[in-house]
Amino acid sequence: MQWFRVTIEETGETFECSKDDDLLSGMRNSLCRKIPIGCCNGGCGACRISVTSGEYRVRKMNRAVVSESEQASGCVLACRVYPQSDLQLKVLGRKWLLRSAASTQPATGGVVEAEQQQTEAERRN
């Protein structure tokens, strides 16, 4: 079985994927969680990515989610992409799920602090 390295540009994280597995399966098998997962059938667009480097083959995708012109420019669904070489990609679907592996602060940290400050100010009045 032939394996390829897949690099997520936003975080620099990598995972290995077999040429016989779609990118979402390869990601799940390697315990990486940076590409959002949706229907896994090429229909919802949750796993939308842009391949910026490398060779791959693509299975049928919903054209309402990825048009032919978008596909020609590298926009595809990770659940329908099979690597044929090492790949570099950018995550486009559900960007709010993508956080740097180095980030340890909870997503609500700033909101909680702002709410606490407002409560203290109200008490003083």
N, C-alpha and C. Protein backbone atom coordinates (compact mmCIF):
# COMPACT_ATOMS: atom_id res chain seq x y z
N MET A 1 0.84 -1.17 0.00
CA MET A 1 0.00 0.00 0.00
C MET A 1 0.89 1.25 0.00
N GLN A 2 0.53 2.21 -0.79
CA GLN A 2 1.31 3.44 -0.91
C GLN A 2 0.68 4.54 -0.04
N TRP A 3 1.53 5.23 0.74
CA TRP A 3 1.08 6.27 1.66
C TRP A 3 1.66 7.62 1.27
N PHE A 4 0.89 8.67 1.54
CA PHE A 4 1.33 10.03 1.24
C PHE A 4 1.12 10.93 2.45
N ARG A 5 1.95 11.97 2.54
CA ARG A 5 1.85 12.94 3.63
C ARG A 5 0.94 14.08 3.19
N VAL A 6 -0.02 14.40 4.05
CA VAL A 6 -0.96 15.49 3.80
C VAL A 6 -0.68 16.58 4.83
N THR A 7 -0.44 17.80 4.36
CA THR A 7 -0.13 18.92 5.25
C THR A 7 -1.25 19.95 5.20
N ILE A 8 -1.74 20.34 6.38
CA ILE A 8 -2.75 21.39 6.49
C ILE A 8 -2.01 22.70 6.69
N GLU A 9 -2.10 23.58 5.70
CA GLU A 9 -1.29 24.80 5.69
C GLU A 9 -1.55 25.72 6.88
N GLU A 10 -2.80 25.84 7.31
CA GLU A 10 -3.12 26.78 8.39
C GLU A 10 -2.40 26.44 9.70
N THR A 11 -2.21 25.16 9.97
CA THR A 11 -1.64 24.74 11.25
C THR A 11 -0.28 24.07 11.12
N GLY A 12 0.09 23.66 9.89
CA GLY A 12 1.34 22.93 9.70
C GLY A 12 1.23 21.47 10.10
N GLU A 13 0.06 21.04 10.54
CA GLU A 13 -0.12 19.65 10.94
C GLU A 13 -0.10 18.74 9.72
N THR A 14 0.35 17.51 9.94
CA THR A 14 0.40 16.54 8.86
C THR A 14 -0.26 15.23 9.31
N PHE A 15 -0.71 14.48 8.33
CA PHE A 15 -1.16 13.11 8.58
C PHE A 15 -0.86 12.28 7.34
N GLU A 16 -0.82 10.98 7.52
CA GLU A 16 -0.55 10.06 6.42
C GLU A 16 -1.87 9.54 5.88
N CYS A 17 -1.94 9.38 4.56
CA CYS A 17 -3.14 8.87 3.92
C CYS A 17 -2.75 7.93 2.79
N SER A 18 -3.38 6.80 2.74
CA SER A 18 -3.15 5.82 1.68
C SER A 18 -3.80 6.31 0.39
N LYS A 19 -3.26 5.89 -0.74
CA LYS A 19 -3.86 6.27 -2.02
C LYS A 19 -5.23 5.62 -2.20
N ASP A 20 -5.53 4.60 -1.39
CA ASP A 20 -6.81 3.91 -1.47
C ASP A 20 -7.86 4.49 -0.52
N ASP A 21 -7.48 5.46 0.31
CA ASP A 21 -8.41 6.09 1.26
C ASP A 21 -8.67 7.53 0.87
N ASP A 22 -9.89 7.99 1.11
CA ASP A 22 -10.15 9.42 0.92
C ASP A 22 -9.49 10.18 2.07
N LEU A 23 -9.31 11.47 1.90
CA LEU A 23 -8.59 12.27 2.90
C LEU A 23 -9.26 12.25 4.27
N LEU A 24 -10.59 12.25 4.32
CA LEU A 24 -11.25 12.22 5.63
C LEU A 24 -10.96 10.92 6.37
N SER A 25 -10.97 9.80 5.66
CA SER A 25 -10.65 8.52 6.30
C SER A 25 -9.22 8.51 6.79
N GLY A 26 -8.30 9.00 5.97
CA GLY A 26 -6.90 9.08 6.39
C GLY A 26 -6.72 9.96 7.61
N MET A 27 -7.43 11.08 7.63
CA MET A 27 -7.35 11.99 8.77
C MET A 27 -7.87 11.32 10.03
N ARG A 28 -9.02 10.68 9.94
CA ARG A 28 -9.58 9.99 11.12
C ARG A 28 -8.67 8.88 11.61
N ASN A 29 -8.10 8.12 10.69
CA ASN A 29 -7.21 7.02 11.08
C ASN A 29 -5.96 7.50 11.80
N SER A 30 -5.53 8.72 11.49
CA SER A 30 -4.32 9.26 12.12
C SER A 30 -4.63 10.10 13.36
N LEU A 31 -5.90 10.18 13.71
CA LEU A 31 -6.37 10.93 14.89
C LEU A 31 -6.24 12.44 14.74
N CYS A 32 -6.03 12.92 13.53
CA CYS A 32 -6.04 14.35 13.26
C CYS A 32 -7.51 14.77 13.15
N ARG A 33 -7.84 15.98 13.56
CA ARG A 33 -9.24 16.41 13.54
C ARG A 33 -9.40 17.83 12.98
N LYS A 34 -8.65 18.19 11.99
CA LYS A 34 -8.67 19.57 11.51
C LYS A 34 -9.57 19.82 10.31
N ILE A 35 -10.00 18.79 9.61
CA ILE A 35 -10.93 18.97 8.50
C ILE A 35 -12.32 18.61 9.03
N PRO A 36 -13.29 19.52 8.94
CA PRO A 36 -14.63 19.22 9.42
C PRO A 36 -15.24 18.02 8.70
N ILE A 37 -16.02 17.24 9.42
CA ILE A 37 -16.66 16.05 8.85
C ILE A 37 -18.16 16.29 8.78
N GLY A 38 -18.73 15.98 7.63
CA GLY A 38 -20.18 16.11 7.44
C GLY A 38 -20.77 14.80 7.00
N CYS A 39 -21.39 14.79 5.83
CA CYS A 39 -22.11 13.61 5.35
C CYS A 39 -21.19 12.49 4.85
N CYS A 40 -19.97 12.81 4.46
CA CYS A 40 -18.98 11.85 3.93
C CYS A 40 -19.40 11.24 2.60
N ASN A 41 -20.33 11.88 1.90
CA ASN A 41 -20.79 11.38 0.60
C ASN A 41 -20.69 12.40 -0.51
N GLY A 42 -19.97 13.49 -0.29
CA GLY A 42 -19.80 14.49 -1.34
C GLY A 42 -20.97 15.42 -1.53
N GLY A 43 -21.86 15.52 -0.55
CA GLY A 43 -23.05 16.31 -0.74
C GLY A 43 -23.21 17.56 0.09
N CYS A 44 -22.58 17.64 1.26
CA CYS A 44 -22.91 18.75 2.17
C CYS A 44 -21.91 19.91 2.13
N GLY A 45 -20.67 19.67 1.77
CA GLY A 45 -19.67 20.73 1.70
C GLY A 45 -18.93 21.03 2.98
N ALA A 46 -19.23 20.32 4.06
CA ALA A 46 -18.55 20.58 5.34
C ALA A 46 -17.05 20.38 5.22
N CYS A 47 -16.61 19.41 4.43
CA CYS A 47 -15.19 19.07 4.33
C CYS A 47 -14.50 19.75 3.15
N ARG A 48 -15.03 20.87 2.72
CA ARG A 48 -14.50 21.61 1.57
C ARG A 48 -13.06 22.07 1.84
N ILE A 49 -12.17 21.78 0.91
CA ILE A 49 -10.76 22.15 1.03
C ILE A 49 -10.27 22.71 -0.30
N SER A 50 -9.11 23.33 -0.26
CA SER A 50 -8.42 23.75 -1.48
C SER A 50 -7.06 23.08 -1.49
N VAL A 51 -6.83 22.23 -2.48
CA VAL A 51 -5.54 21.56 -2.60
C VAL A 51 -4.60 22.53 -3.30
N THR A 52 -3.53 22.91 -2.63
CA THR A 52 -2.60 23.90 -3.17
C THR A 52 -1.37 23.27 -3.79
N SER A 53 -1.14 21.99 -3.49
CA SER A 53 0.03 21.31 -4.04
C SER A 53 -0.19 19.81 -4.01
N GLY A 54 0.19 19.14 -5.09
CA GLY A 54 0.12 17.69 -5.13
C GLY A 54 -0.89 17.16 -6.13
N GLU A 55 -0.83 15.85 -6.34
CA GLU A 55 -1.70 15.16 -7.29
C GLU A 55 -2.73 14.33 -6.53
N TYR A 56 -3.93 14.26 -7.07
CA TYR A 56 -5.01 13.52 -6.43
C TYR A 56 -6.04 13.14 -7.47
N ARG A 57 -6.90 12.19 -7.12
CA ARG A 57 -8.06 11.89 -7.96
C ARG A 57 -9.31 12.18 -7.15
N VAL A 58 -10.37 12.53 -7.86
CA VAL A 58 -11.60 12.97 -7.20
C VAL A 58 -12.77 12.12 -7.68
N ARG A 59 -13.60 11.72 -6.74
CA ARG A 59 -14.86 11.05 -7.08
C ARG A 59 -15.95 12.11 -7.20
N LYS A 60 -17.11 11.71 -7.66
CA LYS A 60 -18.23 12.62 -7.93
C LYS A 60 -18.61 13.44 -6.69
N MET A 61 -18.80 14.76 -6.91
CA MET A 61 -19.20 15.69 -5.85
C MET A 61 -20.49 16.40 -6.26
N ASN A 62 -21.24 16.88 -5.30
CA ASN A 62 -22.44 17.66 -5.54
C ASN A 62 -22.04 19.00 -6.15
N ARG A 63 -22.51 19.31 -7.35
CA ARG A 63 -22.15 20.55 -8.04
C ARG A 63 -22.76 21.78 -7.39
N ALA A 64 -23.75 21.61 -6.55
CA ALA A 64 -24.28 22.75 -5.80
C ALA A 64 -23.31 23.18 -4.71
N VAL A 65 -22.40 22.28 -4.34
CA VAL A 65 -21.43 22.55 -3.28
C VAL A 65 -20.07 22.96 -3.86
N VAL A 66 -19.65 22.28 -4.93
CA VAL A 66 -18.38 22.60 -5.62
C VAL A 66 -18.66 22.62 -7.12
N SER A 67 -18.56 23.79 -7.73
CA SER A 67 -18.80 23.91 -9.17
C SER A 67 -17.60 23.36 -9.95
N GLU A 68 -17.80 23.16 -11.23
CA GLU A 68 -16.69 22.68 -12.08
C GLU A 68 -15.53 23.67 -12.09
N SER A 69 -15.84 24.97 -12.14
CA SER A 69 -14.76 25.97 -12.16
C SER A 69 -14.01 25.99 -10.83
N GLU A 70 -14.73 25.82 -9.71
CA GLU A 70 -14.06 25.75 -8.41
C GLU A 70 -13.16 24.52 -8.34
N GLN A 71 -13.68 23.40 -8.84
CA GLN A 71 -12.87 22.18 -8.84
C GLN A 71 -11.62 22.36 -9.69
N ALA A 72 -11.75 23.02 -10.81
CA ALA A 72 -10.60 23.25 -11.68
C ALA A 72 -9.52 24.09 -10.99
N SER A 73 -9.93 24.93 -10.03
CA SER A 73 -8.95 25.75 -9.31
C SER A 73 -8.45 25.09 -8.02
N GLY A 74 -8.84 23.81 -7.79
CA GLY A 74 -8.32 23.07 -6.64
C GLY A 74 -9.27 22.91 -5.48
N CYS A 75 -10.48 23.48 -5.58
CA CYS A 75 -11.46 23.35 -4.51
C CYS A 75 -12.18 22.01 -4.66
N VAL A 76 -12.13 21.20 -3.61
CA VAL A 76 -12.73 19.87 -3.64
C VAL A 76 -13.27 19.51 -2.25
N LEU A 77 -13.91 18.37 -2.15
CA LEU A 77 -14.39 17.86 -0.87
C LEU A 77 -13.46 16.75 -0.41
N ALA A 78 -12.96 16.87 0.81
CA ALA A 78 -11.97 15.91 1.32
C ALA A 78 -12.51 14.48 1.34
N CYS A 79 -13.82 14.32 1.47
CA CYS A 79 -14.40 12.97 1.49
C CYS A 79 -14.39 12.32 0.11
N ARG A 80 -14.06 13.07 -0.93
CA ARG A 80 -14.07 12.55 -2.30
C ARG A 80 -12.69 12.58 -2.95
N VAL A 81 -11.65 12.92 -2.18
CA VAL A 81 -10.29 13.07 -2.71
C VAL A 81 -9.40 11.92 -2.25
N TYR A 82 -8.67 11.35 -3.21
CA TYR A 82 -7.73 10.26 -2.95
C TYR A 82 -6.34 10.72 -3.39
N PRO A 83 -5.39 10.80 -2.46
CA PRO A 83 -4.07 11.33 -2.81
C PRO A 83 -3.31 10.41 -3.77
N GLN A 84 -2.57 11.01 -4.68
CA GLN A 84 -1.69 10.28 -5.58
C GLN A 84 -0.24 10.72 -5.38
N SER A 85 -0.05 11.69 -4.49
CA SER A 85 1.27 12.19 -4.10
C SER A 85 1.09 12.91 -2.75
N ASP A 86 2.16 13.44 -2.19
CA ASP A 86 2.03 14.28 -1.00
C ASP A 86 1.17 15.48 -1.37
N LEU A 87 0.34 15.94 -0.42
CA LEU A 87 -0.57 17.06 -0.68
C LEU A 87 -0.40 18.16 0.35
N GLN A 88 -0.66 19.39 -0.08
CA GLN A 88 -0.81 20.52 0.83
C GLN A 88 -2.20 21.07 0.58
N LEU A 89 -2.89 21.45 1.66
CA LEU A 89 -4.26 21.93 1.50
C LEU A 89 -4.60 23.01 2.50
N LYS A 90 -5.66 23.74 2.15
CA LYS A 90 -6.25 24.74 3.04
C LYS A 90 -7.67 24.30 3.33
N VAL A 91 -8.10 24.44 4.57
CA VAL A 91 -9.45 24.07 4.97
C VAL A 91 -10.39 25.24 4.66
N LEU A 92 -11.48 24.98 3.94
CA LEU A 92 -12.44 26.01 3.59
C LEU A 92 -13.78 25.83 4.29
N GLY A 93 -14.18 24.59 4.55
CA GLY A 93 -15.47 24.32 5.17
C GLY A 93 -15.44 24.50 6.67
N ARG A 94 -16.46 25.14 7.22
CA ARG A 94 -16.62 25.34 8.66
C ARG A 94 -15.34 25.80 9.34
N LYS A 95 -14.81 26.89 8.89
CA LYS A 95 -13.52 27.39 9.40
C LYS A 95 -13.48 27.54 10.91
N TRP A 96 -14.60 27.73 11.54
CA TRP A 96 -14.61 27.90 12.99
C TRP A 96 -14.12 26.65 13.72
N LEU A 97 -14.13 25.49 13.08
CA LEU A 97 -13.63 24.27 13.72
C LEU A 97 -12.11 24.20 13.71
N LEU A 98 -11.49 24.94 12.81
CA LEU A 98 -10.05 24.85 12.63
C LEU A 98 -9.34 25.77 13.61
N ARG A 99 -8.65 25.20 14.59
CA ARG A 99 -7.85 25.97 15.54
C ARG A 99 -6.45 25.41 15.53
N SER A 100 -5.50 26.24 15.76
CA SER A 100 -4.11 25.81 15.78
C SER A 100 -3.89 24.78 16.87
N ALA A 101 -3.08 23.79 16.59
CA ALA A 101 -2.75 22.76 17.58
C ALA A 101 -2.03 23.38 18.76
N ALA A 102 -1.40 24.51 18.55
CA ALA A 102 -0.66 25.18 19.63
C ALA A 102 -1.59 25.94 20.57
N SER A 103 -2.80 26.21 20.13
CA SER A 103 -3.74 26.99 20.94
C SER A 103 -4.29 26.15 22.07
N THR A 104 -4.18 26.67 23.28
CA THR A 104 -4.72 25.95 24.44
C THR A 104 -5.83 26.73 25.11
N GLN A 105 -6.10 27.95 24.63
CA GLN A 105 -7.14 28.78 25.23
C GLN A 105 -8.50 28.34 24.70
N PRO A 106 -9.50 28.16 25.57
CA PRO A 106 -10.83 27.79 25.10
C PRO A 106 -11.40 28.86 24.19
N ALA A 107 -12.25 28.45 23.27
CA ALA A 107 -12.82 29.37 22.29
C ALA A 107 -13.64 30.48 22.95
N THR A 108 -14.20 30.25 24.13
CA THR A 108 -15.04 31.25 24.79
C THR A 108 -14.28 32.10 25.79
N GLY A 109 -12.98 31.93 25.91
CA GLY A 109 -12.19 32.63 26.92
C GLY A 109 -12.42 34.12 26.95
N GLY A 110 -12.36 34.79 25.82
CA GLY A 110 -12.54 36.23 25.77
C GLY A 110 -13.95 36.65 26.13
N VAL A 111 -14.94 35.86 25.73
CA VAL A 111 -16.33 36.18 26.03
C VAL A 111 -16.58 36.08 27.52
N VAL A 112 -16.08 35.03 28.16
CA VAL A 112 -16.25 34.86 29.60
C VAL A 112 -15.63 36.03 30.35
N GLU A 113 -14.42 36.43 29.96
CA GLU A 113 -13.76 37.56 30.62
C GLU A 113 -14.59 38.83 30.46
N ALA A 114 -15.10 39.10 29.28
CA ALA A 114 -15.90 40.30 29.04
C ALA A 114 -17.16 40.28 29.88
N GLU A 115 -17.81 39.11 30.00
CA GLU A 115 -19.01 39.01 30.82
C GLU A 115 -18.69 39.25 32.29
N GLN A 116 -17.55 38.74 32.76
CA GLN A 116 -17.15 38.95 34.15
C GLN A 116 -16.87 40.42 34.42
N GLN A 117 -16.21 41.11 33.49
CA GLN A 117 -15.92 42.53 33.66
C GLN A 117 -17.21 43.34 33.71
N GLN A 118 -18.16 43.00 32.85
CA GLN A 118 -19.43 43.73 32.83
C GLN A 118 -20.17 43.53 34.15
N THR A 119 -20.18 42.33 34.68
CA THR A 119 -20.85 42.04 35.95
C THR A 119 -20.23 42.84 37.08
N GLU A 120 -18.91 42.94 37.15
CA GLU A 120 -18.23 43.71 38.18
C GLU A 120 -18.57 45.19 38.08
N ALA A 121 -18.65 45.72 36.87
CA ALA A 121 -18.99 47.12 36.66
C ALA A 121 -20.42 47.39 37.11
N GLU A 122 -21.33 46.45 36.84
CA GLU A 122 -22.72 46.62 37.25
C GLU A 122 -22.85 46.64 38.77
N ARG A 123 -22.04 45.83 39.45
CA ARG A 123 -22.08 45.78 40.91
C ARG A 123 -21.66 47.10 41.53
N ARG A 124 -20.71 47.78 40.89
CA ARG A 124 -20.22 49.06 41.42
C ARG A 124 -21.26 50.16 41.29
N ASN A 125 -22.16 50.06 40.33
CA ASN A 125 -23.16 51.11 40.08
C ASN A 125 -24.32 50.98 40.97
